[in-house]
Amino acid sequence: MPRIALILLIAFAGFAIFTLYHSVSSSLTPSDLLTMGNADNIVVSGRVESISYEDGMTHFYIIDEKAKIKAVYEGKIAGEEVIATGDWKDGTFYVKEVLSKCHTEYKGG
């Protein structure tokens, strides 16, 4: 019986490590998106730039070191960096869900 428990524990640990690695490395950058065609339910991370509000929608850009993409979200954006889930259609990222990284977490302020 202990041998089966040990095997199950090792299998679970391997699965957990694989899942954690996949979830951390699965977000795309704006540069990645510009090389792709349309895509659904993808995760994009980057810095936020040029936020504006119009008709209940937030319009902004998600940027990295090389590129920026236009994004639209039905809600407010708070923070300088985001991890967003949504659909990439015809050069615009339609955000469904967003996590904001607060600047105070990284600048000690």
N, C-alpha and C. Protein backbone atom coordinates (compact mmCIF):
# COMPACT_ATOMS: atom_id res chain seq x y z
N MET A 1 0.81 -1.20 0.00
CA MET A 1 0.00 0.00 0.00
C MET A 1 0.85 1.28 0.00
N PRO A 2 1.92 1.37 0.83
CA PRO A 2 2.74 2.58 0.80
C PRO A 2 3.39 2.82 -0.57
N ARG A 3 3.71 1.74 -1.29
CA ARG A 3 4.32 1.88 -2.60
C ARG A 3 3.36 2.57 -3.59
N ILE A 4 2.09 2.20 -3.55
CA ILE A 4 1.09 2.82 -4.42
C ILE A 4 0.92 4.29 -4.05
N ALA A 5 0.90 4.60 -2.77
CA ALA A 5 0.77 5.99 -2.33
C ALA A 5 1.96 6.81 -2.81
N LEU A 6 3.16 6.25 -2.74
CA LEU A 6 4.36 6.95 -3.19
C LEU A 6 4.30 7.20 -4.70
N ILE A 7 3.89 6.22 -5.46
CA ILE A 7 3.77 6.37 -6.90
C ILE A 7 2.73 7.45 -7.24
N LEU A 8 1.60 7.44 -6.55
CA LEU A 8 0.58 8.46 -6.79
C LEU A 8 1.09 9.85 -6.41
N LEU A 9 1.83 9.95 -5.33
CA LEU A 9 2.39 11.24 -4.92
C LEU A 9 3.38 11.77 -5.96
N ILE A 10 4.24 10.90 -6.47
CA ILE A 10 5.21 11.31 -7.49
C ILE A 10 4.49 11.72 -8.77
N ALA A 11 3.46 10.97 -9.17
CA ALA A 11 2.69 11.32 -10.37
C ALA A 11 2.00 12.67 -10.19
N PHE A 12 1.41 12.88 -9.01
CA PHE A 12 0.74 14.15 -8.75
C PHE A 12 1.74 15.30 -8.77
N ALA A 13 2.90 15.13 -8.16
CA ALA A 13 3.92 16.19 -8.15
C ALA A 13 4.37 16.52 -9.57
N GLY A 14 4.58 15.50 -10.39
CA GLY A 14 4.96 15.73 -11.77
C GLY A 14 3.89 16.49 -12.54
N PHE A 15 2.64 16.10 -12.34
CA PHE A 15 1.53 16.79 -13.00
C PHE A 15 1.44 18.24 -12.53
N ALA A 16 1.61 18.48 -11.23
CA ALA A 16 1.54 19.83 -10.68
C ALA A 16 2.65 20.71 -11.25
N ILE A 17 3.85 20.19 -11.35
CA ILE A 17 4.98 20.96 -11.91
C ILE A 17 4.73 21.27 -13.38
N PHE A 18 4.25 20.29 -14.13
CA PHE A 18 3.95 20.52 -15.54
C PHE A 18 2.88 21.59 -15.71
N THR A 19 1.80 21.51 -14.92
CA THR A 19 0.71 22.47 -15.00
C THR A 19 1.17 23.87 -14.63
N LEU A 20 1.97 23.99 -13.58
CA LEU A 20 2.48 25.29 -13.16
C LEU A 20 3.37 25.89 -14.24
N TYR A 21 4.26 25.11 -14.79
CA TYR A 21 5.14 25.60 -15.86
C TYR A 21 4.33 26.05 -17.06
N HIS A 22 3.34 25.26 -17.45
CA HIS A 22 2.53 25.60 -18.61
C HIS A 22 1.74 26.88 -18.38
N SER A 23 1.18 27.07 -17.19
CA SER A 23 0.39 28.26 -16.93
C SER A 23 1.25 29.52 -16.87
N VAL A 24 2.48 29.41 -16.39
CA VAL A 24 3.37 30.56 -16.31
C VAL A 24 3.87 30.95 -17.69
N SER A 25 4.15 29.97 -18.52
CA SER A 25 4.77 30.26 -19.82
C SER A 25 3.76 30.41 -20.95
N SER A 26 2.48 30.34 -20.66
CA SER A 26 1.51 30.32 -21.74
C SER A 26 1.00 31.70 -22.14
N SER A 27 1.39 32.76 -21.46
CA SER A 27 0.91 34.07 -21.89
C SER A 27 1.75 34.57 -23.06
N LEU A 28 1.10 35.32 -23.92
CA LEU A 28 1.72 35.88 -25.11
C LEU A 28 2.07 37.34 -24.87
N THR A 29 2.93 37.88 -25.69
CA THR A 29 3.26 39.29 -25.66
C THR A 29 2.59 39.97 -26.85
N PRO A 30 2.50 41.30 -26.84
CA PRO A 30 1.98 41.99 -28.02
C PRO A 30 2.75 41.63 -29.30
N SER A 31 4.05 41.47 -29.20
CA SER A 31 4.85 41.08 -30.37
C SER A 31 4.41 39.72 -30.91
N ASP A 32 4.09 38.79 -30.01
CA ASP A 32 3.61 37.47 -30.44
C ASP A 32 2.30 37.60 -31.21
N LEU A 33 1.39 38.43 -30.69
CA LEU A 33 0.08 38.56 -31.33
C LEU A 33 0.18 39.11 -32.74
N LEU A 34 1.09 40.04 -32.96
CA LEU A 34 1.20 40.65 -34.28
C LEU A 34 1.64 39.66 -35.36
N THR A 35 2.18 38.53 -34.95
CA THR A 35 2.59 37.50 -35.92
C THR A 35 1.50 36.46 -36.14
N MET A 36 0.39 36.57 -35.41
CA MET A 36 -0.68 35.57 -35.47
C MET A 36 -1.88 36.08 -36.26
N GLY A 37 -2.67 35.15 -36.71
CA GLY A 37 -3.98 35.48 -37.24
C GLY A 37 -4.95 35.60 -36.08
N ASN A 38 -6.23 35.62 -36.36
CA ASN A 38 -7.24 35.69 -35.31
C ASN A 38 -7.11 34.50 -34.37
N ALA A 39 -7.38 34.74 -33.07
CA ALA A 39 -7.29 33.68 -32.07
C ALA A 39 -8.27 33.96 -30.94
N ASP A 40 -8.85 32.91 -30.38
CA ASP A 40 -9.81 33.02 -29.29
C ASP A 40 -9.21 32.53 -27.98
N ASN A 41 -9.67 33.13 -26.89
CA ASN A 41 -9.30 32.71 -25.53
C ASN A 41 -7.81 32.58 -25.32
N ILE A 42 -7.10 33.67 -25.57
CA ILE A 42 -5.66 33.68 -25.35
C ILE A 42 -5.33 34.62 -24.21
N VAL A 43 -4.15 34.47 -23.65
CA VAL A 43 -3.69 35.29 -22.53
C VAL A 43 -2.53 36.15 -23.02
N VAL A 44 -2.62 37.45 -22.74
CA VAL A 44 -1.60 38.40 -23.16
C VAL A 44 -1.15 39.18 -21.94
N SER A 45 0.16 39.40 -21.83
CA SER A 45 0.67 40.20 -20.73
C SER A 45 1.52 41.34 -21.28
N GLY A 46 1.49 42.47 -20.57
CA GLY A 46 2.28 43.61 -20.98
C GLY A 46 1.94 44.85 -20.18
N ARG A 47 2.58 45.95 -20.56
CA ARG A 47 2.33 47.23 -19.90
C ARG A 47 1.16 47.94 -20.56
N VAL A 48 0.48 48.78 -19.80
CA VAL A 48 -0.68 49.51 -20.28
C VAL A 48 -0.27 50.93 -20.67
N GLU A 49 -0.84 51.41 -21.78
CA GLU A 49 -0.53 52.74 -22.27
C GLU A 49 -1.79 53.36 -22.88
N SER A 50 -1.94 54.67 -22.76
CA SER A 50 -2.98 55.46 -23.43
C SER A 50 -4.39 54.97 -23.13
N ILE A 51 -4.80 54.99 -21.88
CA ILE A 51 -6.14 54.57 -21.49
C ILE A 51 -7.13 55.69 -21.79
N SER A 52 -8.25 55.32 -22.42
CA SER A 52 -9.35 56.26 -22.62
C SER A 52 -10.67 55.51 -22.44
N TYR A 53 -11.72 56.25 -22.08
CA TYR A 53 -13.03 55.65 -21.82
C TYR A 53 -14.05 56.24 -22.79
N GLU A 54 -14.84 55.36 -23.41
CA GLU A 54 -15.83 55.82 -24.37
C GLU A 54 -16.99 54.83 -24.41
N ASP A 55 -18.20 55.32 -24.19
CA ASP A 55 -19.42 54.50 -24.26
C ASP A 55 -19.35 53.27 -23.35
N GLY A 56 -18.83 53.43 -22.14
CA GLY A 56 -18.74 52.32 -21.20
C GLY A 56 -17.61 51.34 -21.47
N MET A 57 -16.80 51.63 -22.45
CA MET A 57 -15.69 50.74 -22.81
C MET A 57 -14.37 51.43 -22.51
N THR A 58 -13.38 50.64 -22.12
CA THR A 58 -12.03 51.13 -21.92
C THR A 58 -11.21 50.78 -23.16
N HIS A 59 -10.59 51.77 -23.73
CA HIS A 59 -9.70 51.59 -24.89
C HIS A 59 -8.29 51.88 -24.42
N PHE A 60 -7.35 51.00 -24.75
CA PHE A 60 -5.97 51.17 -24.31
C PHE A 60 -5.06 50.35 -25.20
N TYR A 61 -3.77 50.46 -24.96
CA TYR A 61 -2.78 49.66 -25.67
C TYR A 61 -2.06 48.79 -24.66
N ILE A 62 -1.74 47.57 -25.08
CA ILE A 62 -0.86 46.69 -24.30
C ILE A 62 0.46 46.68 -25.06
N ILE A 63 1.55 46.98 -24.36
CA ILE A 63 2.83 47.13 -25.04
C ILE A 63 3.89 46.21 -24.43
N ASP A 64 4.89 45.88 -25.23
CA ASP A 64 6.11 45.23 -24.75
C ASP A 64 7.29 46.03 -25.29
N GLU A 65 8.46 45.46 -25.29
CA GLU A 65 9.65 46.20 -25.73
C GLU A 65 9.65 46.51 -27.22
N LYS A 66 8.89 45.72 -28.02
CA LYS A 66 8.97 45.84 -29.47
C LYS A 66 7.68 46.28 -30.14
N ALA A 67 6.54 46.10 -29.49
CA ALA A 67 5.27 46.34 -30.19
C ALA A 67 4.18 46.77 -29.23
N LYS A 68 3.07 47.23 -29.82
CA LYS A 68 1.89 47.53 -29.02
C LYS A 68 0.66 47.10 -29.80
N ILE A 69 -0.36 46.68 -29.05
CA ILE A 69 -1.61 46.25 -29.66
C ILE A 69 -2.76 47.04 -29.04
N LYS A 70 -3.75 47.30 -29.85
CA LYS A 70 -4.96 47.98 -29.39
C LYS A 70 -5.83 46.98 -28.64
N ALA A 71 -6.38 47.42 -27.48
CA ALA A 71 -7.23 46.55 -26.67
C ALA A 71 -8.49 47.30 -26.27
N VAL A 72 -9.59 46.54 -26.13
CA VAL A 72 -10.88 47.08 -25.72
C VAL A 72 -11.41 46.21 -24.60
N TYR A 73 -11.95 46.85 -23.55
CA TYR A 73 -12.43 46.12 -22.38
C TYR A 73 -13.67 46.79 -21.82
N GLU A 74 -14.66 46.00 -21.45
CA GLU A 74 -15.88 46.54 -20.84
C GLU A 74 -15.67 46.55 -19.32
N GLY A 75 -15.02 47.58 -18.85
CA GLY A 75 -14.69 47.73 -17.43
C GLY A 75 -13.55 48.71 -17.29
N LYS A 76 -13.08 48.87 -16.08
CA LYS A 76 -11.99 49.81 -15.80
C LYS A 76 -10.67 49.06 -15.68
N ILE A 77 -9.60 49.73 -16.04
CA ILE A 77 -8.25 49.18 -15.92
C ILE A 77 -7.54 49.97 -14.82
N ALA A 78 -6.95 49.26 -13.88
CA ALA A 78 -6.15 49.90 -12.84
C ALA A 78 -4.79 49.23 -12.82
N GLY A 79 -3.75 50.00 -12.87
CA GLY A 79 -2.41 49.43 -12.83
C GLY A 79 -1.64 49.72 -14.10
N GLU A 80 -0.35 49.50 -14.00
CA GLU A 80 0.55 49.77 -15.12
C GLU A 80 0.81 48.55 -15.98
N GLU A 81 0.54 47.36 -15.45
CA GLU A 81 0.74 46.12 -16.19
C GLU A 81 -0.50 45.26 -16.07
N VAL A 82 -0.78 44.48 -17.11
CA VAL A 82 -1.94 43.60 -17.09
C VAL A 82 -1.59 42.21 -17.60
N ILE A 83 -2.39 41.27 -17.16
CA ILE A 83 -2.46 39.95 -17.76
C ILE A 83 -3.92 39.82 -18.16
N ALA A 84 -4.20 39.73 -19.44
CA ALA A 84 -5.58 39.77 -19.93
C ALA A 84 -5.90 38.55 -20.77
N THR A 85 -7.14 38.09 -20.65
CA THR A 85 -7.65 36.99 -21.45
C THR A 85 -8.70 37.54 -22.40
N GLY A 86 -8.64 37.11 -23.64
CA GLY A 86 -9.62 37.60 -24.60
C GLY A 86 -9.41 37.02 -25.98
N ASP A 87 -9.98 37.72 -26.96
CA ASP A 87 -9.94 37.27 -28.35
C ASP A 87 -9.20 38.29 -29.21
N TRP A 88 -8.33 37.82 -30.07
CA TRP A 88 -7.56 38.64 -31.00
C TRP A 88 -8.26 38.58 -32.35
N LYS A 89 -8.87 39.69 -32.76
CA LYS A 89 -9.64 39.74 -34.00
C LYS A 89 -9.28 40.98 -34.80
N ASP A 90 -8.82 40.79 -36.00
CA ASP A 90 -8.57 41.88 -36.95
C ASP A 90 -7.75 43.03 -36.36
N GLY A 91 -6.70 42.70 -35.62
CA GLY A 91 -5.80 43.71 -35.10
C GLY A 91 -6.21 44.36 -33.79
N THR A 92 -7.26 43.87 -33.16
CA THR A 92 -7.70 44.40 -31.86
C THR A 92 -7.86 43.23 -30.89
N PHE A 93 -7.42 43.46 -29.66
CA PHE A 93 -7.56 42.45 -28.61
C PHE A 93 -8.80 42.80 -27.79
N TYR A 94 -9.83 41.96 -27.86
CA TYR A 94 -11.07 42.16 -27.13
C TYR A 94 -10.98 41.42 -25.80
N VAL A 95 -10.75 42.18 -24.75
CA VAL A 95 -10.46 41.63 -23.42
C VAL A 95 -11.75 41.18 -22.75
N LYS A 96 -11.75 39.95 -22.24
CA LYS A 96 -12.87 39.42 -21.48
C LYS A 96 -12.62 39.52 -19.98
N GLU A 97 -11.36 39.31 -19.59
CA GLU A 97 -11.00 39.30 -18.17
C GLU A 97 -9.60 39.89 -18.03
N VAL A 98 -9.40 40.67 -16.97
CA VAL A 98 -8.11 41.32 -16.81
C VAL A 98 -7.66 41.26 -15.35
N LEU A 99 -6.38 41.01 -15.17
CA LEU A 99 -5.72 41.11 -13.87
C LEU A 99 -4.72 42.25 -13.99
N SER A 100 -4.78 43.19 -13.06
CA SER A 100 -3.86 44.32 -13.09
C SER A 100 -2.78 44.13 -12.05
N LYS A 101 -1.57 44.49 -12.41
CA LYS A 101 -0.47 44.50 -11.47
C LYS A 101 -0.30 45.93 -10.97
N CYS A 102 -0.42 46.11 -9.69
CA CYS A 102 -0.30 47.45 -9.11
C CYS A 102 1.16 47.86 -9.03
N HIS A 103 1.46 49.11 -9.39
CA HIS A 103 2.84 49.59 -9.39
C HIS A 103 3.47 49.57 -8.00
N THR A 104 2.67 49.67 -6.95
CA THR A 104 3.24 49.69 -5.60
C THR A 104 3.84 48.34 -5.20
N GLU A 105 3.38 47.27 -5.82
CA GLU A 105 3.95 45.95 -5.52
C GLU A 105 5.40 45.86 -5.99
N TYR A 106 5.76 46.61 -7.01
CA TYR A 106 7.07 46.49 -7.61
C TYR A 106 7.99 47.66 -7.30
N LYS A 107 7.44 48.78 -6.88
CA LYS A 107 8.25 49.95 -6.63
C LYS A 107 8.37 50.28 -5.15
N GLY A 108 7.84 49.42 -4.30
CA GLY A 108 7.97 49.60 -2.85
C GLY A 108 7.27 50.83 -2.31
N GLY A 109 6.30 51.35 -3.04
CA GLY A 109 5.68 52.57 -2.59
C GLY A 109 4.26 52.42 -2.29
